[in-house]
N, C-alpha and C. Protein backbone atom coordinates (compact mmCIF):
# COMPACT_ATOMS: atom_id res chain seq x y z
N MET A 1 -24.74 -18.03 97.82
CA MET A 1 -24.57 -18.51 96.71
C MET A 1 -25.52 -17.85 95.91
N SER A 2 -25.13 -17.28 94.64
CA SER A 2 -26.10 -16.72 94.07
C SER A 2 -27.09 -17.70 93.27
N ARG A 3 -28.04 -17.13 93.00
CA ARG A 3 -29.25 -18.45 92.47
C ARG A 3 -28.93 -18.53 90.60
N PHE A 4 -28.07 -17.65 90.38
CA PHE A 4 -27.59 -17.75 88.76
C PHE A 4 -26.51 -18.32 88.56
N SER A 5 -26.01 -19.03 89.72
CA SER A 5 -24.47 -19.55 89.49
C SER A 5 -24.42 -20.86 88.60
N ASN A 6 -25.70 -21.56 88.85
CA ASN A 6 -25.78 -22.87 88.01
C ASN A 6 -26.03 -22.60 86.63
N SER A 7 -26.68 -21.56 86.52
CA SER A 7 -27.28 -21.31 84.87
C SER A 7 -26.20 -20.69 84.10
N PHE A 8 -25.55 -19.68 84.80
CA PHE A 8 -24.26 -19.02 83.99
C PHE A 8 -23.06 -19.31 84.46
N PRO A 9 -22.59 -20.15 84.31
CA PRO A 9 -21.10 -20.93 84.89
C PRO A 9 -20.17 -19.84 84.25
N TYR A 10 -19.10 -19.59 84.76
CA TYR A 10 -18.38 -18.30 84.99
C TYR A 10 -17.26 -18.70 83.70
N ASN A 11 -17.22 -20.07 83.30
CA ASN A 11 -16.30 -20.21 82.31
C ASN A 11 -16.92 -19.77 80.76
N GLN A 12 -18.08 -19.52 80.93
CA GLN A 12 -18.92 -19.02 79.49
C GLN A 12 -18.51 -17.88 79.32
N TYR A 13 -18.12 -16.83 80.20
CA TYR A 13 -17.60 -15.36 79.67
C TYR A 13 -16.17 -15.33 79.56
N LYS A 14 -15.53 -16.54 79.88
CA LYS A 14 -13.92 -16.63 79.47
C LYS A 14 -13.56 -16.31 78.25
N PRO A 15 -12.56 -15.46 77.63
CA PRO A 15 -12.84 -15.22 76.20
C PRO A 15 -11.74 -16.31 75.56
N GLN A 16 -12.38 -16.78 74.20
CA GLN A 16 -11.82 -18.20 73.86
C GLN A 16 -10.71 -17.90 72.72
N LYS A 17 -9.64 -18.78 72.86
CA LYS A 17 -8.47 -19.20 72.20
C LYS A 17 -9.01 -19.05 70.48
N GLN A 18 -8.77 -18.01 69.48
CA GLN A 18 -9.09 -18.46 68.37
C GLN A 18 -7.53 -18.75 67.58
N SER A 19 -8.23 -19.95 66.45
CA SER A 19 -7.26 -20.60 65.54
C SER A 19 -7.62 -19.86 63.99
N GLY A 20 -6.09 -19.94 63.48
CA GLY A 20 -5.96 -19.21 62.21
C GLY A 20 -4.50 -18.77 61.96
N VAL A 21 -4.43 -17.97 60.78
CA VAL A 21 -3.13 -17.34 60.38
C VAL A 21 -3.20 -15.96 60.58
N THR A 22 -2.04 -15.73 60.66
CA THR A 22 -2.17 -13.98 60.81
C THR A 22 -1.62 -13.52 59.22
N LEU A 23 -1.76 -12.15 59.13
CA LEU A 23 -1.32 -11.63 57.68
C LEU A 23 0.01 -12.04 57.32
N VAL A 24 1.15 -11.78 58.56
CA VAL A 24 2.42 -12.05 57.99
C VAL A 24 2.56 -13.50 57.41
N GLU A 25 2.22 -14.65 58.09
CA GLU A 25 2.02 -15.93 57.69
C GLU A 25 1.55 -15.98 56.52
N LEU A 26 0.43 -15.56 56.13
CA LEU A 26 -0.26 -15.34 54.92
C LEU A 26 0.57 -14.85 53.43
N ILE A 27 1.25 -13.91 53.85
CA ILE A 27 2.15 -12.99 53.00
C ILE A 27 3.46 -14.08 52.72
N ILE A 28 3.90 -14.69 53.89
CA ILE A 28 5.03 -15.73 53.56
C ILE A 28 4.68 -16.72 52.96
N ALA A 29 3.45 -17.46 53.20
CA ALA A 29 3.07 -18.53 52.31
C ALA A 29 3.10 -18.19 50.81
N MET A 30 2.19 -17.04 50.71
CA MET A 30 2.29 -16.73 49.12
C MET A 30 3.64 -16.50 48.45
N VAL A 31 4.55 -16.08 49.00
CA VAL A 31 5.76 -15.69 48.35
C VAL A 31 6.42 -17.05 48.33
N ILE A 32 6.34 -18.20 49.04
CA ILE A 32 7.04 -19.32 49.05
C ILE A 32 6.32 -20.07 47.84
N ILE A 33 5.00 -20.36 47.66
CA ILE A 33 4.11 -20.60 46.58
C ILE A 33 4.38 -20.04 45.30
N SER A 34 4.75 -18.77 45.49
CA SER A 34 5.00 -18.22 44.03
C SER A 34 6.44 -18.77 43.79
N ILE A 35 7.58 -18.55 44.44
CA ILE A 35 8.73 -19.16 44.01
C ILE A 35 8.55 -20.73 43.41
N ALA A 36 8.07 -21.48 44.08
CA ALA A 36 7.91 -22.75 43.45
C ALA A 36 6.99 -22.85 42.42
N ALA A 37 6.01 -22.01 42.40
CA ALA A 37 5.26 -21.86 40.85
C ALA A 37 6.21 -21.67 39.73
N ALA A 38 7.39 -20.44 40.12
CA ALA A 38 7.88 -19.96 39.16
C ALA A 38 8.63 -20.95 38.65
N ALA A 39 9.52 -21.92 39.52
CA ALA A 39 10.51 -23.03 39.57
C ALA A 39 9.68 -24.04 38.34
N LEU A 40 8.60 -24.27 38.75
CA LEU A 40 7.92 -25.57 38.17
C LEU A 40 7.75 -24.92 36.69
N LEU A 41 7.20 -23.53 36.33
CA LEU A 41 6.71 -23.33 35.13
C LEU A 41 8.30 -23.27 34.29
N GLN A 42 9.36 -22.87 35.06
CA GLN A 42 10.58 -22.77 34.17
C GLN A 42 10.95 -24.21 33.74
N THR A 43 10.78 -25.28 34.63
CA THR A 43 11.11 -26.42 34.33
C THR A 43 10.20 -27.33 33.26
N LEU A 44 8.69 -26.69 33.44
CA LEU A 44 8.13 -27.11 32.27
C LEU A 44 8.42 -26.58 31.08
N GLY A 45 8.94 -25.17 31.02
CA GLY A 45 9.19 -24.83 29.72
C GLY A 45 10.42 -25.48 29.23
N SER A 46 11.30 -25.43 29.75
CA SER A 46 12.53 -26.05 29.29
C SER A 46 12.24 -27.32 28.84
N GLN A 47 11.53 -28.08 29.53
CA GLN A 47 10.97 -29.62 28.94
C GLN A 47 10.35 -29.69 27.75
N SER A 48 9.36 -28.50 27.54
CA SER A 48 8.86 -28.38 26.52
C SER A 48 9.73 -27.98 25.14
N VAL A 49 10.66 -27.37 25.20
CA VAL A 49 11.81 -26.73 24.32
C VAL A 49 12.69 -28.19 24.07
N ARG A 50 12.82 -28.92 24.85
CA ARG A 50 13.38 -30.12 24.71
C ARG A 50 12.67 -31.07 23.87
N ASN A 51 11.25 -31.16 24.12
CA ASN A 51 10.56 -32.13 23.31
C ASN A 51 10.57 -31.69 21.85
N VAL A 52 10.63 -30.25 21.34
CA VAL A 52 10.24 -30.14 20.42
C VAL A 52 11.69 -30.15 19.57
N ASP A 53 12.94 -30.28 20.12
CA ASP A 53 14.29 -30.47 19.68
C ASP A 53 14.39 -31.64 18.88
N PRO A 54 14.02 -32.65 19.30
CA PRO A 54 14.17 -34.38 18.30
C PRO A 54 13.24 -34.08 17.06
N MET A 55 12.25 -33.33 17.16
CA MET A 55 11.33 -33.20 15.96
C MET A 55 12.07 -32.52 14.93
N ILE A 56 12.90 -31.13 15.47
CA ILE A 56 13.50 -30.43 14.47
C ILE A 56 14.38 -30.89 13.94
N GLN A 57 15.33 -31.83 14.74
CA GLN A 57 16.56 -32.67 14.33
C GLN A 57 16.17 -33.57 13.01
N SER A 58 15.04 -34.36 13.70
CA SER A 58 14.47 -35.42 12.55
C SER A 58 14.26 -34.69 11.35
N GLN A 59 13.67 -33.58 11.27
CA GLN A 59 13.23 -32.77 9.87
C GLN A 59 14.46 -32.51 9.14
N ALA A 60 15.54 -32.06 9.86
CA ALA A 60 16.88 -31.69 9.30
C ALA A 60 17.50 -33.11 8.53
N GLN A 61 17.55 -34.02 9.37
CA GLN A 61 18.21 -35.18 9.09
C GLN A 61 17.15 -35.56 7.60
N MET A 62 16.17 -35.68 7.53
CA MET A 62 15.12 -35.92 6.61
C MET A 62 15.25 -35.10 5.17
N LEU A 63 15.47 -33.65 5.65
CA LEU A 63 15.77 -32.97 4.41
C LEU A 63 17.18 -33.29 3.93
N ALA A 64 18.31 -33.18 4.77
CA ALA A 64 19.90 -33.63 4.27
C ALA A 64 19.47 -34.79 3.23
N ARG A 65 18.83 -36.06 3.83
CA ARG A 65 18.61 -37.45 3.07
C ARG A 65 18.23 -37.23 1.51
N GLN A 66 16.71 -35.88 1.61
CA GLN A 66 16.20 -35.78 0.57
C GLN A 66 17.32 -35.16 -0.37
N TYR A 67 18.14 -34.10 0.00
CA TYR A 67 19.00 -33.42 -1.08
C TYR A 67 19.95 -34.63 -1.51
N LEU A 68 20.50 -35.22 -0.67
CA LEU A 68 21.71 -36.33 -1.02
C LEU A 68 20.96 -37.20 -2.29
N GLU A 69 19.99 -37.73 -1.91
CA GLU A 69 19.38 -38.49 -2.90
C GLU A 69 19.42 -37.66 -4.07
N GLU A 70 18.84 -36.65 -4.19
CA GLU A 70 18.27 -35.93 -5.53
C GLU A 70 19.54 -35.44 -6.02
N VAL A 71 20.68 -35.26 -5.48
CA VAL A 71 22.49 -35.21 -6.20
C VAL A 71 22.56 -36.24 -6.73
N SER A 72 22.71 -37.48 -5.92
CA SER A 72 23.01 -38.82 -6.36
C SER A 72 22.76 -39.08 -7.50
N SER A 73 21.02 -38.87 -7.64
CA SER A 73 20.34 -39.63 -8.73
C SER A 73 20.58 -38.79 -9.72
N LYS A 74 21.34 -37.82 -10.13
CA LYS A 74 21.88 -37.19 -11.44
C LYS A 74 23.01 -38.20 -11.99
N SER A 75 23.12 -37.65 -13.07
CA SER A 75 24.38 -38.68 -13.94
C SER A 75 25.72 -37.93 -13.49
N PHE A 76 26.82 -38.67 -13.60
CA PHE A 76 28.13 -38.02 -13.47
C PHE A 76 28.61 -37.10 -14.31
N PHE A 77 28.28 -37.62 -15.27
CA PHE A 77 28.42 -36.55 -16.81
C PHE A 77 27.27 -35.80 -17.29
N ASP A 78 27.74 -34.80 -17.78
CA ASP A 78 26.74 -33.90 -18.71
C ASP A 78 26.20 -34.69 -19.81
N GLY A 79 24.84 -34.72 -19.80
CA GLY A 79 24.22 -35.45 -21.05
C GLY A 79 24.91 -35.21 -22.62
N SER A 80 25.20 -34.07 -22.67
CA SER A 80 25.66 -33.77 -23.99
C SER A 80 27.17 -34.26 -24.39
N ALA A 81 28.02 -34.80 -23.21
CA ALA A 81 29.21 -35.23 -23.49
C ALA A 81 29.35 -36.50 -22.44
N ASP A 82 28.81 -37.44 -22.60
CA ASP A 82 28.87 -38.71 -21.67
C ASP A 82 29.65 -39.74 -22.50
N PRO A 83 30.85 -39.97 -21.85
CA PRO A 83 32.04 -41.27 -22.74
C PRO A 83 31.21 -42.38 -22.71
N ARG A 84 30.00 -42.54 -21.64
CA ARG A 84 29.60 -44.00 -21.92
C ARG A 84 28.68 -44.17 -23.01
N LEU A 85 28.09 -42.94 -23.53
CA LEU A 85 27.21 -42.99 -24.57
C LEU A 85 27.71 -42.32 -26.06
N VAL A 86 28.85 -41.35 -25.61
CA VAL A 86 29.27 -40.82 -27.31
C VAL A 86 30.83 -41.16 -26.93
N ALA A 87 31.24 -41.68 -28.12
CA ALA A 87 32.61 -42.50 -28.31
C ALA A 87 33.49 -41.21 -29.04
N ASN A 88 34.49 -41.39 -29.09
CA ASN A 88 35.67 -40.77 -29.38
C ASN A 88 35.58 -39.10 -28.57
N LEU A 89 35.46 -39.24 -27.35
CA LEU A 89 35.67 -37.90 -26.75
C LEU A 89 36.86 -37.71 -26.39
N SER A 90 37.60 -36.29 -26.25
CA SER A 90 38.61 -35.86 -25.93
C SER A 90 38.66 -35.89 -24.36
N ARG A 91 39.73 -35.63 -23.78
CA ARG A 91 40.07 -35.55 -22.36
C ARG A 91 39.19 -34.54 -21.88
N SER A 92 39.60 -33.37 -22.83
CA SER A 92 39.20 -32.06 -22.48
C SER A 92 37.42 -31.97 -22.48
N ASP A 93 37.07 -32.63 -23.30
CA ASP A 93 35.57 -32.86 -23.46
C ASP A 93 35.04 -33.47 -22.17
N ILE A 94 35.25 -34.65 -21.94
CA ILE A 94 35.19 -35.43 -20.57
C ILE A 94 34.97 -34.52 -19.42
N ASN A 95 36.42 -33.80 -19.36
CA ASN A 95 36.47 -32.88 -18.22
C ASN A 95 35.21 -31.93 -18.06
N ASP A 96 35.28 -31.32 -18.92
CA ASP A 96 34.25 -30.38 -19.00
C ASP A 96 32.61 -30.56 -18.61
N SER A 97 32.56 -32.08 -19.23
CA SER A 97 31.23 -32.82 -19.19
C SER A 97 31.25 -33.07 -17.39
N VAL A 98 32.52 -33.74 -16.85
CA VAL A 98 32.11 -33.71 -15.44
C VAL A 98 32.09 -32.43 -14.75
N GLU A 99 32.40 -31.51 -15.15
CA GLU A 99 32.55 -30.21 -14.25
C GLU A 99 31.37 -29.40 -15.03
N ASP A 100 30.41 -29.61 -15.56
CA ASP A 100 29.33 -28.86 -16.20
C ASP A 100 28.35 -28.19 -14.97
N GLN A 101 28.12 -26.85 -15.12
CA GLN A 101 27.50 -26.11 -14.18
C GLN A 101 26.64 -25.07 -15.20
N SER A 102 26.56 -25.64 -16.33
CA SER A 102 25.54 -24.72 -17.24
C SER A 102 24.21 -24.56 -16.69
N ARG A 103 23.57 -25.31 -15.98
CA ARG A 103 22.06 -25.09 -15.81
C ARG A 103 22.08 -24.74 -14.18
N ALA A 104 23.15 -24.32 -13.58
CA ALA A 104 23.23 -24.15 -12.36
C ALA A 104 22.80 -22.81 -11.48
N GLY A 105 22.61 -21.98 -12.70
CA GLY A 105 21.73 -20.63 -12.12
C GLY A 105 20.42 -20.64 -12.40
N SER A 106 19.66 -21.81 -12.72
CA SER A 106 18.08 -21.99 -12.90
C SER A 106 17.66 -22.16 -11.78
N PRO A 107 16.65 -21.11 -11.21
CA PRO A 107 15.75 -21.39 -9.91
C PRO A 107 15.13 -22.70 -9.74
N SER A 108 14.93 -23.62 -10.92
CA SER A 108 14.23 -24.61 -11.00
C SER A 108 15.42 -25.89 -11.24
N ARG A 109 15.39 -26.97 -10.09
CA ARG A 109 16.50 -27.82 -10.38
C ARG A 109 16.02 -29.22 -11.16
N VAL A 110 14.88 -29.02 -11.82
CA VAL A 110 14.55 -30.10 -12.58
C VAL A 110 15.58 -30.45 -13.65
N GLY A 111 15.93 -29.44 -14.66
CA GLY A 111 17.06 -29.42 -15.33
C GLY A 111 18.34 -29.61 -15.09
N TRP A 112 18.60 -29.64 -13.90
CA TRP A 112 20.12 -29.95 -13.40
C TRP A 112 20.34 -31.25 -13.95
N ASP A 113 21.23 -31.73 -14.81
CA ASP A 113 21.40 -33.36 -15.35
C ASP A 113 22.74 -33.67 -14.79
N ASN A 114 23.41 -33.06 -14.15
CA ASN A 114 24.69 -33.81 -13.60
C ASN A 114 25.11 -33.42 -11.99
N ILE A 115 26.05 -34.23 -11.34
CA ILE A 115 25.86 -34.02 -10.14
C ILE A 115 26.55 -32.70 -9.92
N TYR A 116 27.53 -32.39 -10.72
CA TYR A 116 28.44 -31.03 -10.35
C TYR A 116 27.73 -29.84 -10.53
N GLU A 117 26.28 -29.86 -10.85
CA GLU A 117 25.49 -28.53 -11.22
C GLU A 117 25.31 -28.41 -9.60
N TYR A 118 25.58 -29.23 -8.70
CA TYR A 118 25.02 -28.71 -7.35
C TYR A 118 26.18 -28.25 -6.30
N HIS A 119 27.06 -28.39 -7.13
CA HIS A 119 28.53 -27.73 -6.25
C HIS A 119 28.45 -26.33 -6.20
N GLY A 120 28.45 -26.09 -4.81
CA GLY A 120 28.17 -24.51 -4.28
C GLY A 120 26.82 -24.30 -4.26
N TYR A 121 25.59 -25.06 -4.33
CA TYR A 121 24.42 -24.50 -4.38
C TYR A 121 24.25 -24.26 -2.66
N SER A 122 23.49 -23.31 -2.72
CA SER A 122 23.22 -22.47 -1.14
C SER A 122 21.62 -22.10 -1.15
N GLN A 123 21.06 -22.28 -0.17
CA GLN A 123 19.64 -21.60 -0.38
C GLN A 123 19.16 -21.42 1.20
N THR A 124 18.87 -20.47 1.39
CA THR A 124 18.15 -20.12 2.88
C THR A 124 16.64 -19.62 2.57
N GLY A 125 15.69 -20.61 3.37
CA GLY A 125 14.41 -20.70 2.93
C GLY A 125 14.40 -21.73 1.60
N LEU A 126 14.17 -22.91 2.18
CA LEU A 126 14.18 -24.08 1.07
C LEU A 126 12.91 -23.96 -0.04
N ARG A 127 13.51 -24.25 -1.24
CA ARG A 127 12.84 -24.64 -2.41
C ARG A 127 12.44 -25.85 -2.92
N ASP A 128 11.65 -26.50 -3.33
CA ASP A 128 11.57 -27.47 -3.91
C ASP A 128 12.37 -27.67 -5.45
N VAL A 129 12.27 -28.68 -6.12
CA VAL A 129 13.14 -29.11 -7.34
C VAL A 129 12.45 -27.92 -8.27
N ASN A 130 11.19 -27.41 -8.30
CA ASN A 130 10.39 -26.69 -8.99
C ASN A 130 10.98 -25.01 -8.87
N GLY A 131 11.67 -24.80 -7.66
CA GLY A 131 11.95 -23.63 -7.62
C GLY A 131 11.09 -22.97 -6.69
N SER A 132 9.94 -23.65 -6.24
CA SER A 132 8.91 -23.19 -5.26
C SER A 132 9.13 -22.99 -3.73
N ALA A 133 9.13 -22.11 -3.30
CA ALA A 133 9.70 -21.65 -1.88
C ALA A 133 8.68 -22.80 -1.17
N VAL A 134 9.24 -23.31 0.17
CA VAL A 134 8.36 -24.42 0.94
C VAL A 134 8.23 -23.53 2.18
N ALA A 135 7.13 -22.97 2.50
CA ALA A 135 6.89 -22.31 3.69
C ALA A 135 7.11 -22.73 5.02
N GLU A 136 7.05 -24.16 4.94
CA GLU A 136 7.05 -24.95 6.42
C GLU A 136 8.80 -24.90 6.69
N PHE A 137 9.39 -24.83 5.97
CA PHE A 137 10.97 -24.66 6.18
C PHE A 137 11.58 -23.28 5.61
N SER A 138 11.14 -22.20 5.71
CA SER A 138 11.55 -20.80 5.51
C SER A 138 12.55 -20.30 6.47
N ASN A 139 12.89 -21.02 7.61
CA ASN A 139 13.68 -20.82 8.44
C ASN A 139 15.19 -21.91 8.23
N PHE A 140 14.98 -22.62 7.58
CA PHE A 140 15.63 -23.64 7.30
C PHE A 140 17.04 -23.48 6.18
N SER A 141 18.17 -24.01 5.95
CA SER A 141 19.08 -23.58 4.93
C SER A 141 19.76 -24.78 4.64
N VAL A 142 20.13 -24.55 3.45
CA VAL A 142 21.36 -26.01 2.74
C VAL A 142 22.23 -25.39 1.83
N ALA A 143 23.48 -26.00 2.21
CA ALA A 143 24.49 -25.99 1.51
C ALA A 143 25.29 -27.26 0.80
N ILE A 144 25.39 -27.53 -0.43
CA ILE A 144 25.79 -28.70 -0.96
C ILE A 144 27.31 -28.45 -1.63
N GLN A 145 28.04 -29.54 -1.36
CA GLN A 145 29.49 -29.41 -2.09
C GLN A 145 29.62 -30.74 -2.64
N VAL A 146 30.35 -30.69 -3.81
CA VAL A 146 30.38 -32.09 -4.61
C VAL A 146 32.06 -31.77 -4.99
N ASP A 147 32.85 -32.65 -4.07
CA ASP A 147 34.25 -32.72 -4.31
C ASP A 147 34.85 -33.65 -5.50
N ILE A 148 35.15 -33.39 -6.27
CA ILE A 148 36.09 -34.52 -7.45
C ILE A 148 37.41 -34.24 -7.62
N SER A 149 38.08 -33.61 -6.51
CA SER A 149 39.44 -33.37 -6.53
C SER A 149 40.42 -34.75 -6.26
N ASP A 150 41.56 -35.12 -6.43
CA ASP A 150 42.41 -36.11 -6.29
C ASP A 150 42.38 -36.60 -5.11
N SER A 151 41.92 -35.76 -3.94
CA SER A 151 41.74 -36.38 -2.73
C SER A 151 40.65 -37.41 -2.45
N VAL A 152 39.86 -37.55 -3.21
CA VAL A 152 38.35 -38.38 -3.14
C VAL A 152 38.73 -39.55 -3.61
N SER A 153 38.74 -40.60 -2.87
CA SER A 153 39.05 -42.12 -3.12
C SER A 153 37.59 -42.92 -2.21
N ILE A 154 37.85 -43.98 -2.86
CA ILE A 154 36.87 -45.07 -2.47
C ILE A 154 37.65 -46.25 -2.78
N ASN A 155 37.65 -46.60 -1.36
CA ASN A 155 38.33 -48.43 -1.42
C ASN A 155 39.67 -48.28 -1.73
N GLY A 156 40.30 -47.00 -1.42
CA GLY A 156 42.18 -47.36 -2.15
C GLY A 156 42.12 -46.59 -3.46
N ASN A 157 40.90 -46.67 -4.06
CA ASN A 157 40.92 -46.14 -5.28
C ASN A 157 40.64 -44.28 -5.50
N ALA A 158 41.32 -43.59 -6.04
CA ALA A 158 41.60 -42.15 -5.79
C ALA A 158 41.30 -41.48 -7.27
N ASN A 159 40.98 -40.46 -7.45
CA ASN A 159 40.86 -39.67 -8.66
C ASN A 159 42.39 -39.32 -9.04
N SER A 160 42.67 -39.50 -10.54
CA SER A 160 43.99 -39.13 -10.63
C SER A 160 44.54 -37.66 -10.38
N SER A 161 45.76 -37.57 -9.90
CA SER A 161 46.37 -36.08 -9.86
C SER A 161 46.91 -35.70 -10.97
N THR A 162 46.97 -36.60 -12.14
CA THR A 162 47.65 -35.83 -13.43
C THR A 162 46.61 -35.06 -14.31
N ALA A 163 47.26 -33.63 -14.64
CA ALA A 163 46.31 -32.83 -15.03
C ALA A 163 45.62 -33.32 -16.31
N ASN A 164 44.47 -32.79 -16.41
CA ASN A 164 43.50 -33.18 -17.56
C ASN A 164 42.89 -34.46 -17.44
N CYS A 165 43.08 -35.20 -16.43
CA CYS A 165 42.35 -36.59 -16.30
C CYS A 165 41.23 -36.36 -15.73
N PRO A 166 40.04 -36.93 -16.24
CA PRO A 166 38.86 -36.94 -15.59
C PRO A 166 38.19 -37.31 -14.24
N ALA A 167 37.85 -36.96 -13.57
CA ALA A 167 37.32 -37.40 -12.08
C ALA A 167 36.48 -38.86 -12.50
N HIS A 168 36.68 -39.73 -11.63
CA HIS A 168 36.04 -40.89 -11.36
C HIS A 168 34.99 -41.04 -10.36
N PHE A 169 35.43 -40.07 -9.44
CA PHE A 169 35.00 -40.31 -7.93
C PHE A 169 34.44 -38.96 -7.61
N ALA A 170 33.28 -38.63 -6.93
CA ALA A 170 32.71 -37.69 -6.36
C ALA A 170 32.35 -37.74 -4.84
N LEU A 171 32.53 -36.90 -4.09
CA LEU A 171 32.18 -36.78 -2.57
C LEU A 171 30.98 -35.87 -2.84
N ILE A 172 29.88 -35.93 -2.32
CA ILE A 172 28.87 -35.16 -2.17
C ILE A 172 28.52 -34.94 -0.52
N SER A 173 28.74 -33.88 -0.27
CA SER A 173 28.30 -33.21 1.06
C SER A 173 27.32 -32.09 1.17
N VAL A 174 26.09 -32.72 2.11
CA VAL A 174 25.21 -31.79 2.35
C VAL A 174 24.93 -31.51 3.81
N THR A 175 24.81 -29.79 4.10
CA THR A 175 24.36 -29.51 5.28
C THR A 175 23.33 -28.62 5.27
N VAL A 176 22.36 -29.22 6.14
CA VAL A 176 21.10 -28.42 6.41
C VAL A 176 21.28 -27.84 7.70
N THR A 177 20.97 -26.33 7.92
CA THR A 177 20.79 -25.64 8.94
C THR A 177 19.54 -25.45 9.49
N ASP A 178 19.10 -25.86 10.66
CA ASP A 178 17.89 -25.63 11.17
C ASP A 178 17.27 -24.41 11.70
N ALA A 179 16.32 -24.04 12.10
CA ALA A 179 15.86 -22.74 12.56
C ALA A 179 16.67 -22.39 13.76
N ARG A 180 17.15 -23.45 14.45
CA ARG A 180 17.81 -23.03 15.89
C ARG A 180 19.26 -22.92 15.41
N GLY A 181 19.67 -22.76 14.32
CA GLY A 181 21.13 -22.40 13.80
C GLY A 181 22.03 -23.78 13.95
N TYR A 182 21.35 -24.91 14.19
CA TYR A 182 22.01 -26.21 14.45
C TYR A 182 22.44 -27.09 13.06
N GLU A 183 23.48 -27.44 12.77
CA GLU A 183 23.65 -27.93 11.20
C GLU A 183 23.86 -29.74 11.45
N THR A 184 23.02 -30.07 10.36
CA THR A 184 23.06 -31.68 10.06
C THR A 184 23.77 -31.82 8.86
N SER A 185 24.67 -32.61 8.85
CA SER A 185 25.62 -33.07 7.75
C SER A 185 25.54 -34.43 7.29
N LEU A 186 25.41 -34.58 5.87
CA LEU A 186 25.52 -35.89 5.65
C LEU A 186 26.22 -35.99 4.20
N SER A 187 26.75 -37.06 4.12
CA SER A 187 28.02 -37.17 2.82
C SER A 187 27.90 -38.53 2.17
N GLY A 188 28.14 -38.52 0.69
CA GLY A 188 27.73 -39.84 0.28
C GLY A 188 28.91 -39.73 -0.89
N TYR A 189 28.94 -40.71 -1.62
CA TYR A 189 30.08 -41.14 -2.82
C TYR A 189 29.08 -41.27 -3.99
N ARG A 190 29.73 -40.92 -5.24
CA ARG A 190 29.19 -41.31 -6.38
C ARG A 190 30.71 -41.80 -7.26
N ALA A 191 30.55 -42.83 -8.19
CA ALA A 191 31.63 -43.23 -9.38
C ALA A 191 31.04 -43.02 -10.46
N SER A 192 32.02 -42.88 -11.14
CA SER A 192 31.55 -42.63 -12.81
C SER A 192 31.12 -43.73 -13.59
N TYR A 193 31.76 -44.96 -12.98
CA TYR A 193 31.08 -46.14 -13.92
C TYR A 193 31.92 -46.06 -15.32
N TRP A 194 32.85 -45.49 -15.25
CA TRP A 194 33.38 -45.30 -16.56
C TRP A 194 35.24 -45.45 -16.29
N GLN A 195 35.80 -46.05 -17.05
CA GLN A 195 37.15 -46.26 -17.30
C GLN A 195 37.85 -45.62 -18.61
N SER A 196 38.59 -44.64 -18.15
CA SER A 196 39.41 -44.00 -19.11
C SER A 196 40.43 -44.59 -19.64
N PRO A 197 40.84 -44.47 -21.05
CA PRO A 197 41.79 -45.15 -21.95
C PRO A 197 43.05 -45.27 -21.15
N ALA A 198 43.74 -46.69 -21.20
CA ALA A 198 45.06 -46.68 -20.41
C ALA A 198 45.95 -45.75 -21.00
N SER A 199 45.86 -45.57 -22.24
CA SER A 199 47.10 -44.47 -22.95
C SER A 199 46.75 -43.13 -22.42
N TRP A 200 45.99 -42.74 -21.41
CA TRP A 200 46.01 -41.50 -21.00
C TRP A 200 47.00 -41.29 -19.89
N GLY A 201 47.27 -42.68 -18.97
CA GLY A 201 47.63 -42.63 -17.84
C GLY A 201 47.07 -41.85 -16.71
N CYS A 202 46.02 -42.02 -16.94
CA CYS A 202 45.07 -41.62 -15.80
C CYS A 202 44.66 -42.67 -14.64
């Protein structure tokens, strides 16, 4: 027996099995991780967009309420021919008073003194009552309609269909379109709080 057999066992020179991953396994793992990361980022992106939606919707509702309150705060009649303040006005004068839009072309809405001034109003890039642009809502738009036709009624009381009879009720409709193109609509009624003479048959 060799004298070196105890000092240098045979097993010491036997090749050892190495642990780790091959290049192919590493590439496959990277591909799987990339796919998972892409799906995760897409989900997070969609979630972020959905989180913003309620805020935009809330802004649109707030704006629609403000416009509706602004219109509703105006008089039913033009100030120059208000039958509640001026006696002996003709039906024609009162009709003209209800349908007055003499100030509607002004960029400032401060001087608009009756609700029908707002009929047909539309604006892309919202402006305050003084006509100044509101930068935060440059991508919003608003459209307002004031319906005083005989189809408008409140609690079974409707505007008269008889010719030349002044309207007693108005339906105000406000539509705000947000930056996404989604519409938010609010409506409200106004009454004139004035009764035409019975002799008019209105």
